[in-house]
Amino acid sequence: MKNIKIAYSKKPSIIFYSIIIFIIIILNLLISSFIFKFNNDNYKNNKNLNITELIENNTNFDHNICHFIKRKLKNRKHPFDYEDELSFFISLIICKIPFSFIRFGDGEEHIMAGKRINTITDKWFWNNTNKKFQESLIKSSSICINSNNFIAIPCKNWNFISKSILSFSKCNNSKFMSFSTVFINKNFQFFQNWINKFINSSKRWKIILVANSLINKDISWAHKYFPIPDHIVEKWDELRESLLKKLENEAKNNNLIFFISAGPAANIIITYLIKINNKNIYIDFGSAIETITKGFSTRSYTKNGSNSLARCEQFYIENHLPIYFR
C-alpha cells in the first residue's frame, strides 16, 4: 500500500500579518488624504461664497457651508467689516455652532467706571451704590479670554468709551471682539429681515427669550419666556437669585439659543450661563429684537436715514486690528 502524505496547512506567519497591517495603514492614509483634499477643495471653492446672499435666501445651510463657517471661526484674527461681521454671527447661529455674545456701551462703561447714570429710553438708572453688580459687570468684560465668547464694544466715534471698557478687561485677543452695533444702524434692516424668517424656521434650535416684561406681540416662536422688568439694574439684588436659578435650569439642556435683551444685566446673565453649559448659544441682542417682542422699536436707527448713523467703517481696521483693539 502506497504511503499517502497528508499536507497540513501551516499557520500564517508573522510576516503575513505584518503585510496585512501595512496594507491597512496605507489604505487608511490614502482615505484620510482623500477626505482632507475633498474638504480642502470645498473650503477653497467656498471662499468665494457670498454668505450674505445665502442668508438672504436660506434659513438653513448644508454641511459644506457650515464646515466653511467653522474654518472661518477657527482662522478669525479680528472683527470682519461691519456687514460681514453680521453675516458671520448669523452663520454661526444657522450652523448651530455654540458661542456667546455680550455688548458694552456707554451705560455699561458708566457702571464699570463708577459714574452715575439715568437712562431715559432704557428706563434704568445707576447711582454707584451696588458694588456687586459693578464687580459682576467688570468681570463679564473678560469672558473673551475663552474660545467662542465674544465681547462687543462701540465703534471709533465712541473711541474713548471703548478704551475705558477695555481698561477693565483682561482680553488681549481681538479674535473674540466685535462691534456692539453689529445688529443695528446700517445692519438693522438686513438683521430684521433675517430674524423674522429665522424665528419661524422649523430647523432651528429652541429659543429661550429673556426680555422686557412689556411684551405685546405674539411670541409663540419662543420655547420659553422669562420677563425682565424695566428697572433691572436697580432691582438686581432682589431678582438675581431667582432669575439666575430659573435660567440655570434651562441652560443645563443642550441645543438652545438664548435671545437676551436685559440692559447691562444681560452681560452678567450670559457670563453666568456659559459656566453652566457652553454648548448653547447666548446672545445679547438688546433693542434689536424689540420689533419681534414689543411690536415696535424705541430707537432712531429703525427710521429712514439710519444708514447715516454711527457705523463701523472699514477704516476702523488698520493693520488687521481696529484702532482701539491695539
Protein backbone atom coordinates (compact mmCIF):
# COMPACT_ATOMS: atom_id res chain seq x y z
CA MET A 1 0.00 0.00 0.00
CA LYS A 2 1.41 3.35 -1.02
CA ASN A 3 2.27 5.82 1.60
CA ILE A 4 -0.09 8.76 1.46
CA LYS A 5 1.32 12.11 2.53
CA ILE A 6 -1.16 14.36 4.16
CA ALA A 7 -0.41 18.08 3.78
CA TYR A 8 -1.09 20.14 6.82
CA SER A 9 -1.59 23.87 6.33
CA LYS A 10 0.82 25.98 8.25
CA LYS A 11 -0.41 28.85 10.39
CA PRO A 12 0.06 32.29 8.81
CA SER A 13 3.45 33.67 9.66
CA ILE A 14 4.28 36.95 11.40
CA ILE A 15 5.41 38.31 8.03
CA PHE A 16 1.93 37.65 6.62
CA TYR A 17 0.26 39.57 9.43
CA SER A 18 2.75 42.40 9.08
CA ILE A 19 1.95 42.75 5.38
CA ILE A 20 -1.80 42.87 6.12
CA ILE A 21 -1.31 45.55 8.78
CA PHE A 22 0.91 47.54 6.41
CA ILE A 23 -1.74 47.42 3.67
CA ILE A 24 -4.44 48.58 6.12
CA ILE A 25 -2.27 51.51 7.23
CA ILE A 26 -1.63 52.56 3.63
CA LEU A 27 -5.35 52.36 2.80
CA ASN A 28 -6.20 54.48 5.84
CA LEU A 29 -3.63 57.08 4.83
CA LEU A 30 -4.99 57.19 1.29
CA ILE A 31 -8.57 57.57 2.53
CA SER A 32 -7.57 60.29 5.02
CA SER A 33 -5.66 62.10 2.30
CA PHE A 34 -8.68 61.94 0.01
CA ILE A 35 -11.02 63.27 2.73
CA PHE A 36 -8.59 66.09 3.56
CA LYS A 37 -8.26 67.05 -0.12
CA PHE A 38 -12.03 66.90 -0.56
CA ASN A 39 -12.64 69.18 2.43
CA ASN A 40 -9.81 71.49 1.44
CA ASP A 41 -11.11 71.77 -2.12
CA ASN A 42 -14.56 72.53 -0.75
CA TYR A 43 -13.08 75.16 1.51
CA LYS A 44 -11.22 76.77 -1.43
CA ASN A 45 -14.34 76.66 -3.57
CA ASN A 46 -16.42 78.15 -0.77
CA LYS A 47 -14.01 81.03 -0.25
CA ASN A 48 -15.86 82.90 -2.94
CA LEU A 49 -19.27 82.12 -1.45
CA ASN A 50 -21.44 85.13 -0.81
CA ILE A 51 -22.59 84.28 2.72
CA THR A 52 -24.76 87.39 2.89
CA GLU A 53 -26.61 86.30 -0.24
CA LEU A 54 -27.03 82.78 1.13
CA ILE A 55 -28.51 84.17 4.36
CA GLU A 56 -30.99 86.25 2.38
CA ASN A 57 -32.32 83.17 0.61
CA ASN A 58 -31.93 80.41 3.22
CA THR A 59 -32.66 79.69 6.87
CA ASN A 60 -30.55 76.54 6.76
CA PHE A 61 -27.05 75.72 5.44
CA ASP A 62 -25.69 72.40 4.19
CA HIS A 63 -22.72 70.57 5.73
CA ASN A 64 -20.11 72.04 3.37
CA ILE A 65 -21.11 75.64 4.06
CA CYS A 66 -21.10 75.02 7.82
CA HIS A 67 -17.67 73.42 7.50
CA PHE A 68 -16.53 76.63 5.82
CA ILE A 69 -18.03 78.72 8.65
CA LYS A 70 -16.23 76.62 11.26
CA ARG A 71 -12.95 77.18 9.41
CA LYS A 72 -13.73 80.88 9.25
CA LEU A 73 -14.23 80.94 13.03
CA LYS A 74 -11.03 78.99 13.62
CA ASN A 75 -8.97 81.29 11.39
CA ARG A 76 -10.57 84.54 12.60
CA LYS A 77 -7.99 87.08 13.81
CA HIS A 78 -10.07 90.24 14.19
CA PRO A 79 -13.59 91.54 13.52
CA PHE A 80 -14.67 91.50 9.89
CA ASP A 81 -16.01 94.53 8.11
CA TYR A 82 -19.35 95.74 9.50
CA GLU A 83 -21.76 93.91 7.17
CA ASP A 84 -19.59 90.79 7.02
CA GLU A 85 -19.45 90.71 10.81
CA LEU A 86 -23.24 90.46 10.99
CA SER A 87 -23.30 87.69 8.37
CA PHE A 88 -20.62 85.83 10.34
CA PHE A 89 -22.67 85.75 13.56
CA ILE A 90 -25.88 84.84 11.73
CA SER A 91 -23.97 81.98 10.08
CA LEU A 92 -22.84 80.68 13.49
CA ILE A 93 -26.49 80.61 14.57
CA ILE A 94 -27.69 78.87 11.41
CA CYS A 95 -24.92 76.26 11.66
CA LYS A 96 -25.70 75.74 15.37
CA ILE A 97 -22.15 76.50 16.49
CA PRO A 98 -22.17 77.31 20.23
CA PHE A 99 -20.94 80.80 21.15
CA SER A 100 -21.79 83.75 23.38
CA PHE A 101 -22.03 87.44 22.52
CA ILE A 102 -22.24 90.31 25.03
CA ARG A 103 -22.31 94.04 24.27
CA PHE A 104 -20.88 97.08 26.03
CA GLY A 105 -21.90 100.68 25.50
CA ASP A 106 -21.84 103.97 27.37
CA GLY A 107 -24.28 102.69 30.02
CA GLU A 108 -22.10 99.71 30.86
CA GLU A 109 -18.99 101.89 30.83
CA HIS A 110 -20.56 104.32 33.32
CA ILE A 111 -21.32 101.47 35.73
CA MET A 112 -17.86 99.94 35.37
CA ALA A 113 -16.17 103.31 35.93
CA GLY A 114 -18.42 104.18 38.88
CA LYS A 115 -20.20 107.08 37.16
CA ARG A 116 -23.84 107.88 37.91
CA ILE A 117 -26.28 107.46 35.01
CA ASN A 118 -30.03 107.79 34.48
CA THR A 119 -31.26 106.44 31.15
CA ILE A 120 -34.49 107.68 29.62
CA THR A 121 -35.17 105.24 26.78
CA ASP A 122 -33.99 102.13 28.63
CA LYS A 123 -35.64 103.16 31.91
CA TRP A 124 -32.91 102.21 34.36
CA PHE A 125 -30.52 104.22 36.48
CA TRP A 126 -27.25 103.68 38.33
CA ASN A 127 -26.33 105.63 41.44
CA ASN A 128 -23.00 103.90 42.07
CA THR A 129 -24.10 102.07 45.21
CA ASN A 130 -24.48 98.43 44.11
CA LYS A 131 -20.84 97.37 44.05
CA LYS A 132 -21.66 93.68 43.48
CA PHE A 133 -23.43 94.50 40.21
CA GLN A 134 -20.49 96.66 39.19
CA GLU A 135 -17.97 93.91 40.00
CA SER A 136 -20.00 91.30 38.06
CA LEU A 137 -20.22 93.58 35.03
CA ILE A 138 -16.48 94.24 35.08
CA LYS A 139 -15.84 90.50 35.34
CA SER A 140 -18.04 89.84 32.30
CA SER A 141 -15.77 92.00 30.15
CA SER A 142 -13.12 89.28 30.31
CA ILE A 143 -15.17 86.31 29.07
CA CYS A 144 -13.44 86.55 25.68
CA ILE A 145 -10.28 85.03 27.16
CA ASN A 146 -12.11 81.73 26.49
CA SER A 147 -12.88 80.43 23.00
CA ASN A 148 -16.10 81.41 21.23
CA ASN A 149 -17.08 84.02 23.84
CA PHE A 150 -17.29 87.42 22.16
CA ILE A 151 -17.41 90.89 23.71
CA ALA A 152 -18.64 93.78 21.59
CA ILE A 153 -17.64 97.39 22.12
CA PRO A 154 -18.61 100.69 20.41
CA CYS A 155 -17.17 101.96 17.15
CA LYS A 156 -14.49 104.56 16.61
CA ASN A 157 -16.76 107.57 17.10
CA TRP A 158 -17.09 106.40 20.74
CA ASN A 159 -13.42 105.53 20.98
CA PHE A 160 -12.96 106.98 24.48
CA ILE A 161 -15.79 104.75 25.76
CA SER A 162 -14.22 101.69 24.12
CA LYS A 163 -10.82 102.40 25.63
CA SER A 164 -12.37 102.79 29.06
CA ILE A 165 -14.25 99.48 28.72
CA LEU A 166 -11.13 97.62 27.61
CA SER A 167 -9.15 99.05 30.51
CA PHE A 168 -11.26 96.80 32.78
CA SER A 169 -10.97 93.73 30.53
CA LYS A 170 -8.33 91.02 30.55
CA CYS A 171 -8.95 90.27 26.87
CA ASN A 172 -5.93 90.90 24.68
CA ASN A 173 -7.03 88.96 21.59
CA SER A 174 -9.20 90.76 19.04
CA LYS A 175 -10.32 87.40 17.62
CA PHE A 176 -13.19 87.35 20.10
CA MET A 177 -14.01 91.06 19.97
CA SER A 178 -16.72 92.66 17.87
CA PHE A 179 -18.87 95.76 17.37
CA SER A 180 -21.69 96.49 19.82
CA THR A 181 -23.77 97.99 17.00
CA VAL A 182 -23.48 94.96 14.72
CA PHE A 183 -27.25 94.21 14.83
CA ILE A 184 -28.39 97.79 14.34
CA ASN A 185 -27.72 101.01 12.41
CA LYS A 186 -26.55 100.12 8.89
CA ASN A 187 -27.17 96.41 9.54
CA PHE A 188 -30.60 96.78 11.14
CA GLN A 189 -32.84 96.13 8.12
CA PHE A 190 -30.87 93.09 6.98
CA PHE A 191 -30.94 91.71 10.53
CA GLN A 192 -34.70 92.26 10.80
CA ASN A 193 -35.39 90.52 7.51
CA TRP A 194 -33.35 87.54 8.62
CA ILE A 195 -34.61 87.20 12.20
CA ASN A 196 -38.26 87.32 11.14
CA LYS A 197 -37.64 84.36 8.84
CA PHE A 198 -35.47 82.57 11.37
CA ILE A 199 -37.92 82.57 14.29
CA ASN A 200 -40.44 80.83 12.05
CA SER A 201 -37.94 78.26 10.78
CA SER A 202 -38.54 74.62 11.70
CA LYS A 203 -34.83 73.70 11.51
CA ARG A 204 -33.51 75.79 14.35
CA TRP A 205 -32.68 75.22 17.99
CA LYS A 206 -35.28 76.08 20.62
CA ILE A 207 -35.26 79.75 21.58
CA ILE A 208 -35.25 80.89 25.20
CA LEU A 209 -36.37 84.52 25.34
CA VAL A 210 -35.14 86.72 28.19
CA ALA A 211 -36.52 90.19 27.57
CA ASN A 212 -38.57 93.16 28.74
CA SER A 213 -41.82 92.31 30.50
CA LEU A 214 -43.79 94.71 28.28
CA ILE A 215 -44.36 92.10 25.58
CA ASN A 216 -47.33 92.92 23.37
CA LYS A 217 -46.61 90.79 20.31
CA ASP A 218 -47.12 87.09 19.62
CA ILE A 219 -44.00 85.29 20.87
CA SER A 220 -45.18 81.72 20.28
CA TRP A 221 -41.89 81.19 18.42
CA ALA A 222 -40.13 81.21 21.81
CA HIS A 223 -39.86 77.86 23.58
CA LYS A 224 -39.84 79.68 26.94
CA TYR A 225 -40.03 83.31 28.00
CA PHE A 226 -38.52 84.92 31.11
CA PRO A 227 -39.69 88.54 31.62
CA ILE A 228 -37.26 91.25 32.73
CA PRO A 229 -38.56 94.46 34.40
CA ASP A 230 -37.51 97.89 33.12
CA HIS A 231 -35.55 98.71 36.26
CA ILE A 232 -33.50 95.52 36.23
CA VAL A 233 -30.27 97.27 37.27
CA GLU A 234 -31.58 98.78 40.49
CA LYS A 235 -33.70 95.68 41.22
CA TRP A 236 -30.84 93.25 40.52
CA ASP A 237 -30.17 92.23 44.14
CA GLU A 238 -33.84 91.49 44.62
CA LEU A 239 -34.25 89.45 41.42
CA ARG A 240 -30.81 87.96 40.85
CA GLU A 241 -31.05 84.66 42.71
CA SER A 242 -34.49 83.57 41.47
CA LEU A 243 -33.86 84.69 37.88
CA LEU A 244 -30.45 83.02 37.54
CA LYS A 245 -31.78 79.81 39.10
CA LYS A 246 -34.61 79.60 36.55
CA LEU A 247 -32.26 80.31 33.66
CA GLU A 248 -29.69 77.85 35.01
CA ASN A 249 -32.29 75.06 34.93
CA GLU A 250 -32.90 75.83 31.25
CA ALA A 251 -29.24 76.23 30.35
CA LYS A 252 -28.43 72.73 31.60
CA ASN A 253 -30.09 71.47 28.41
CA ASN A 254 -28.19 71.50 25.11
CA ASN A 255 -29.15 72.86 21.70
CA LEU A 256 -30.74 76.09 22.90
CA ILE A 257 -30.45 79.70 21.71
CA PHE A 258 -30.90 82.37 24.35
CA PHE A 259 -32.26 85.65 22.94
CA ILE A 260 -31.46 88.20 25.65
CA SER A 261 -32.45 91.84 25.97
CA ALA A 262 -31.89 92.92 29.57
CA GLY A 263 -29.73 96.04 29.55
CA PRO A 264 -26.38 95.77 31.38
CA ALA A 265 -27.72 92.72 33.27
CA ALA A 266 -27.57 90.74 30.01
CA ASN A 267 -23.77 90.62 30.24
CA ILE A 268 -23.90 89.25 33.77
CA ILE A 269 -26.59 86.70 32.88
CA ILE A 270 -24.66 85.37 29.87
CA THR A 271 -21.37 85.21 31.79
CA TYR A 272 -23.14 83.12 34.42
CA LEU A 273 -24.88 80.78 31.94
CA ILE A 274 -21.82 79.88 29.85
CA LYS A 275 -20.28 78.46 33.02
CA ILE A 276 -23.34 76.24 33.41
CA ASN A 277 -23.26 74.99 29.82
CA ASN A 278 -21.12 76.24 26.93
CA LYS A 279 -22.91 74.00 24.42
CA ASN A 280 -25.64 76.57 23.78
CA ILE A 281 -25.81 79.95 22.05
CA TYR A 282 -26.21 83.04 24.24
CA ILE A 283 -26.70 86.44 22.56
CA ASP A 284 -27.35 89.90 23.92
CA PHE A 285 -29.45 91.33 21.09
CA GLY A 286 -30.58 94.30 23.14
CA SER A 287 -33.04 96.65 21.46
CA ALA A 288 -32.50 94.98 18.07
CA ILE A 289 -35.25 92.44 18.92
CA GLU A 290 -37.84 94.96 20.14
CA THR A 291 -39.74 94.63 16.88
CA ILE A 292 -40.33 90.89 17.43
CA THR A 293 -41.13 91.24 21.14
CA LYS A 294 -42.83 94.62 21.60
CA GLY A 295 -44.01 95.03 18.03
CA PHE A 296 -42.30 98.43 17.76
CA SER A 297 -38.90 99.99 18.32
CA THR A 298 -37.94 102.89 20.58
CA ARG A 299 -34.73 103.61 18.65
CA SER A 300 -33.96 106.10 15.90
CA TYR A 301 -31.90 103.62 13.89
CA THR A 302 -35.12 101.91 12.75
CA LYS A 303 -36.25 105.04 10.90
CA ASN A 304 -35.33 106.25 7.43
CA GLY A 305 -31.82 107.58 7.25
CA SER A 306 -30.41 105.11 9.77
CA ASN A 307 -27.67 104.33 7.26
CA SER A 308 -26.07 107.63 8.16
CA LEU A 309 -25.92 106.85 11.88
CA ALA A 310 -22.84 105.53 13.68
CA ARG A 311 -21.43 102.54 11.85
CA CYS A 312 -18.12 100.73 11.82
CA GLU A 313 -16.48 101.55 8.51
CA GLN A 314 -13.61 99.58 7.03
CA PHE A 315 -11.14 102.30 8.02
CA TYR A 316 -11.59 101.25 11.66
CA ILE A 317 -9.41 98.31 10.79
CA GLU A 318 -5.75 99.18 10.37
CA ASN A 319 -3.09 96.53 10.14
CA HIS A 320 -5.87 93.97 10.64
CA LEU A 321 -6.82 95.40 14.03
CA PRO A 322 -9.39 98.05 14.90
CA ILE A 323 -7.57 101.06 16.36
CA TYR A 324 -8.97 100.63 19.84
CA PHE A 325 -8.05 96.94 19.96
CA ARG A 326 -4.32 97.62 19.66
